[in-house]
Each structure stands twice: as structure tokens, then as C-alpha cells.
Amino acid sequence: MSLWGAKDAVSNTSQEWVAAFGKKGNTANRTAFYGNTTTGAFTANMKVGVVAISATEMTKGDQRKITSATVSAGGANYANGDVVRLSTGVATTNAEFTVTTGAGNTSVVSLVISNAGVFTSPPSGTSATNNKTAANASANGLVIRVVFSSVTEGKKAPHTGWNVRKEFTGGRAGRVQYETLVAGGITTDNPADDPLVG
């Protein structure tokens, strides 16, 4: 049996554990099981996969996401479809918005959340933005008012190490359960799985 490694990488997982969830233990299924977010890929009506959780990830604080946003000041030199990024607050995942300008001008009149972000220290009141669309670097001055979700508890996994993460659907939608397979020992983080371990 292959051993579990200390790095948060698919090559450090054990392919034999995939068999416990109805798939043959091979490299392809091990790769699919690592950080899986596809409902029903291994268990019906459930997102189930393996994630590595380090001590750093366990100690991250409470997190919030943006639930709504409105334009407070429209700025200038924007084009329809520009993507702007929130430039205030402390985020592990940046919040981004796609803008719509007024007829015949370059001020933003509305926006749509394209990425709600993950904030450990959200901004309060109105928030400045940076234009992410490189072709329109002269756009500036957009200020938005954002509303955040209620606090989401920090890491829910029971222990550092390799964990099976189960996210339910249906009547238990949104509930997440962890089962520790190998406790401790994760020395290298993979930031891409932060949304799965929080």
C-alpha cells in the first residue's frame, strides 16, 4: 500500500482509499478524488474527496463572503463587461464584479458579483475597487457598498492531516463532514483547496 505524504498534492495521497467510495484504486481515480467538488462522482448526491489540512489552515480565522453589492460612486472610463476587484479588506480569495455602464457614458451604473471572495477581515461601509481589465487601465473611481454573509466558522476539520471531506445535498444541503484518515504532518499548503477546508 502506498503511503501518505506531507505535501498537499495529489502525488502524496493514497489511491487505495478511493475504493472505499465505489471506484477502483488507480492513479486516474486518485487524481479525481483529490479535492473533488463534483456531486455524485464517488457517492450519490454528495461531493466527497480527500483534502490535506495543515496547522496554518486550521488556525485561519472566521470567514465571510459578499452576498450583495451596489454602486456608491460610478467612477469614469469604464466599459461594459469590465471586471473590477475589491481592493480593501483582507481576503484569501479576491472578490470580483462585472460592471455595466450608463448609456452614452463611462460611469458604472450596476454590477454583478462574479466571485464573492473569502474575507478574514472584511471592509466596512463603502469599498474602493481596482479595474482588472488590462485593456481598460484608465478606469477609476468606482466605489461600491457591499453586504457580507454572517460569519462562517474557521476550519471545521477535526484534525490536521489528510481528511475525507463530504458535502451533502438535498435535505442536508450545505452540511460538511470530515473524517481524519492520517492525523498531522502536512508541511506544504495548497492554497487552491482553501475553500474546501474552511
Protein backbone atom coordinates (compact mmCIF):
# COMPACT_ATOMS: atom_id res chain seq x y z
CA MET A 1 0.00 0.00 0.00
CA SER A 2 1.33 3.43 -0.90
CA LEU A 3 1.96 5.85 1.95
CA TRP A 4 0.52 9.32 2.55
CA GLY A 5 2.94 12.19 2.10
CA ALA A 6 3.42 15.51 3.92
CA LYS A 7 2.75 17.76 0.91
CA ASP A 8 -0.73 18.95 -0.08
CA ALA A 9 -0.51 17.39 -3.55
CA VAL A 10 -2.28 14.54 -5.33
CA SER A 11 1.03 12.64 -5.56
CA ASN A 12 1.07 12.47 -1.75
CA THR A 13 -2.31 10.72 -1.44
CA SER A 14 -3.05 7.00 -1.24
CA GLN A 15 -5.03 5.63 -4.16
CA GLU A 16 -6.36 2.69 -2.14
CA TRP A 17 -8.80 4.96 -0.27
CA VAL A 18 -10.72 5.64 -3.49
CA ALA A 19 -12.02 2.04 -3.38
CA ALA A 20 -13.93 2.82 -0.17
CA PHE A 21 -16.09 5.16 -2.27
CA GLY A 22 -17.01 2.83 -5.10
CA LYS A 23 -14.15 3.39 -7.54
CA LYS A 24 -11.12 1.32 -8.48
CA GLY A 25 -7.94 2.40 -6.69
CA ASN A 26 -5.85 3.72 -9.56
CA THR A 27 -3.99 6.90 -10.49
CA ALA A 28 -6.84 8.44 -12.50
CA ASN A 29 -9.40 7.95 -9.73
CA ARG A 30 -6.93 9.12 -7.08
CA THR A 31 -6.44 12.34 -9.06
CA ALA A 32 -10.21 12.84 -9.36
CA PHE A 33 -10.72 12.14 -5.62
CA TYR A 34 -8.15 14.76 -4.56
CA GLY A 35 -10.11 17.92 -3.75
CA ASN A 36 -13.19 16.64 -5.60
CA THR A 37 -16.12 19.09 -5.85
CA THR A 38 -18.32 17.17 -8.30
CA THR A 39 -21.59 15.88 -6.85
CA GLY A 40 -22.06 12.15 -7.42
CA ALA A 41 -18.55 11.49 -8.74
CA PHE A 42 -17.88 8.98 -5.94
CA THR A 43 -21.05 8.84 -3.83
CA ALA A 44 -24.59 9.59 -4.99
CA ASN A 45 -25.94 13.04 -4.01
CA MET A 46 -22.70 14.02 -2.30
CA LYS A 47 -19.44 15.81 -3.03
CA VAL A 48 -16.76 13.63 -1.49
CA GLY A 49 -12.99 13.92 -1.81
CA VAL A 50 -9.74 13.96 0.11
CA VAL A 51 -8.10 17.19 1.33
CA ALA A 52 -4.92 17.95 3.24
CA ILE A 53 -5.24 20.38 6.14
CA SER A 54 -2.16 22.00 7.66
CA ALA A 55 -1.78 23.64 11.05
CA THR A 56 -1.85 27.03 9.29
CA GLU A 57 -5.19 26.23 7.65
CA MET A 58 -6.64 25.05 10.97
CA THR A 59 -5.86 28.39 12.63
CA LYS A 60 -7.28 30.69 9.96
CA GLY A 61 -9.96 32.95 11.34
CA ASP A 62 -13.63 33.26 10.64
CA GLN A 63 -14.54 33.97 7.05
CA ARG A 64 -17.22 35.91 5.16
CA LYS A 65 -18.35 36.18 1.56
CA ILE A 66 -20.09 39.04 -0.23
CA THR A 67 -23.82 38.47 -0.63
CA SER A 68 -24.72 41.71 -2.44
CA ALA A 69 -23.12 44.86 -3.82
CA THR A 70 -24.38 48.23 -5.03
CA VAL A 71 -22.72 51.19 -6.72
CA SER A 72 -21.93 54.08 -4.35
CA ALA A 73 -19.88 56.16 -6.83
CA GLY A 74 -19.79 55.28 -10.54
CA GLY A 75 -16.28 56.45 -11.39
CA ALA A 76 -15.23 57.08 -15.00
CA ASN A 77 -13.67 55.46 -18.07
CA TYR A 78 -15.29 52.04 -17.56
CA ALA A 79 -16.66 49.86 -20.36
CA ASN A 80 -19.49 47.35 -20.22
CA GLY A 81 -18.11 43.99 -19.11
CA ASP A 82 -15.06 45.34 -17.30
CA VAL A 83 -14.11 43.21 -14.31
CA VAL A 84 -13.22 45.03 -11.11
CA ARG A 85 -11.66 43.64 -7.95
CA LEU A 86 -12.27 44.78 -4.39
CA SER A 87 -9.07 46.42 -3.11
CA THR A 88 -9.94 46.77 0.58
CA GLY A 89 -10.30 44.26 3.37
CA VAL A 90 -8.21 41.12 3.92
CA ALA A 91 -9.16 38.26 1.63
CA THR A 92 -7.87 34.76 0.93
CA THR A 93 -9.86 34.86 -2.34
CA ASN A 94 -10.42 38.18 -4.12
CA ALA A 95 -13.94 39.48 -4.73
CA GLU A 96 -14.64 40.46 -8.32
CA PHE A 97 -17.54 42.15 -10.13
CA THR A 98 -18.58 42.61 -13.76
CA VAL A 99 -19.82 46.15 -14.45
CA THR A 100 -22.46 47.77 -16.65
CA THR A 101 -22.07 51.41 -17.65
CA GLY A 102 -24.74 54.01 -18.36
CA ALA A 103 -25.97 54.76 -21.88
CA GLY A 104 -23.60 57.24 -23.50
CA ASN A 105 -21.15 57.49 -20.59
CA THR A 106 -18.41 55.53 -18.87
CA SER A 107 -19.70 55.57 -15.28
CA VAL A 108 -20.77 52.30 -13.70
CA VAL A 109 -24.49 52.10 -13.00
CA SER A 110 -24.73 48.47 -11.88
CA LEU A 111 -22.59 45.43 -11.26
CA VAL A 112 -22.87 41.69 -10.83
CA ILE A 113 -20.83 39.61 -8.38
CA SER A 114 -18.65 37.26 -10.41
CA ASN A 115 -16.65 36.00 -7.40
CA ALA A 116 -17.94 36.56 -3.85
CA GLY A 117 -14.45 36.35 -2.37
CA VAL A 118 -13.46 34.91 1.00
CA PHE A 119 -12.63 37.54 3.64
CA THR A 120 -10.94 37.06 7.01
CA SER A 121 -11.25 40.80 7.66
CA PRO A 122 -13.97 42.36 5.52
CA PRO A 123 -14.03 46.09 4.76
CA SER A 124 -16.77 48.16 6.34
CA GLY A 125 -19.01 50.70 4.64
CA THR A 126 -18.01 51.57 1.09
CA SER A 127 -15.09 49.92 -0.65
CA ALA A 128 -12.69 51.03 -3.36
CA THR A 129 -12.01 48.83 -6.37
CA ASN A 130 -9.24 48.22 -8.88
CA ASN A 131 -10.02 47.59 -12.54
CA LYS A 132 -8.80 44.12 -13.50
CA THR A 133 -9.43 44.51 -17.24
CA ALA A 134 -5.93 45.29 -18.50
CA ALA A 135 -7.17 46.82 -21.76
CA ASN A 136 -9.03 49.49 -19.80
CA ALA A 137 -6.42 50.54 -17.24
CA SER A 138 -7.59 54.19 -17.19
CA ALA A 139 -10.87 53.29 -15.46
CA ASN A 140 -11.01 54.55 -11.88
CA GLY A 141 -13.14 55.94 -9.11
CA LEU A 142 -15.71 53.16 -8.73
CA VAL A 143 -16.78 52.77 -5.10
CA ILE A 144 -19.23 50.07 -4.07
CA ARG A 145 -21.20 49.21 -0.95
CA VAL A 146 -21.03 45.52 -0.08
CA VAL A 147 -23.01 43.31 2.27
CA PHE A 148 -21.32 40.27 3.77
CA SER A 149 -22.62 36.90 4.87
CA SER A 150 -22.80 36.13 8.55
CA VAL A 151 -19.58 34.77 9.99
CA THR A 152 -18.59 31.31 8.82
CA GLU A 153 -16.65 29.41 11.46
CA GLY A 154 -12.99 28.81 10.83
CA LYS A 155 -11.71 25.40 9.84
CA LYS A 156 -14.22 22.65 10.59
CA ALA A 157 -11.97 19.65 10.16
CA PRO A 158 -11.35 17.79 13.42
CA HIS A 159 -7.60 17.48 12.91
CA THR A 160 -4.70 18.50 10.71
CA GLY A 161 -3.61 15.92 8.15
CA TRP A 162 -5.39 14.05 5.37
CA ASN A 163 -9.18 14.20 5.68
CA VAL A 164 -12.10 12.89 3.66
CA ARG A 165 -14.48 15.80 3.09
CA LYS A 166 -18.19 15.07 2.49
CA GLU A 167 -20.55 17.85 1.39
CA PHE A 168 -24.20 16.86 1.36
CA THR A 169 -27.10 17.80 -0.94
CA GLY A 170 -30.89 17.56 -0.67
CA GLY A 171 -32.30 17.89 2.85
CA ARG A 172 -28.78 18.20 4.26
CA ALA A 173 -27.55 20.65 1.61
CA GLY A 174 -24.59 22.74 2.69
CA ARG A 175 -23.58 20.48 5.56
CA VAL A 176 -19.95 19.38 5.53
CA GLN A 177 -18.44 16.46 7.42
CA TYR A 178 -14.78 15.50 7.77
CA GLU A 179 -13.16 12.17 8.60
CA THR A 180 -9.48 12.20 9.50
CA LEU A 181 -7.52 9.47 7.72
CA VAL A 182 -3.98 10.47 8.68
CA ALA A 183 -3.53 12.94 11.54
CA GLY A 184 -0.98 15.76 11.31
CA GLY A 185 2.14 16.02 9.23
CA ILE A 186 1.09 18.37 6.41
CA THR A 187 4.06 20.68 5.83
CA THR A 188 3.23 22.23 2.43
CA ASP A 189 -0.08 24.01 1.75
CA ASN A 190 -2.01 24.15 -1.50
CA PRO A 191 -3.92 27.47 -1.48
CA ALA A 192 -6.28 26.14 -4.16
CA ASP A 193 -8.04 23.91 -1.62
CA ASP A 194 -8.61 26.65 0.98
CA PRO A 195 -12.32 26.96 0.08
CA LEU A 196 -12.71 23.22 0.75
CA VAL A 197 -11.13 23.22 4.20
CA GLY A 198 -12.99 26.18 5.65
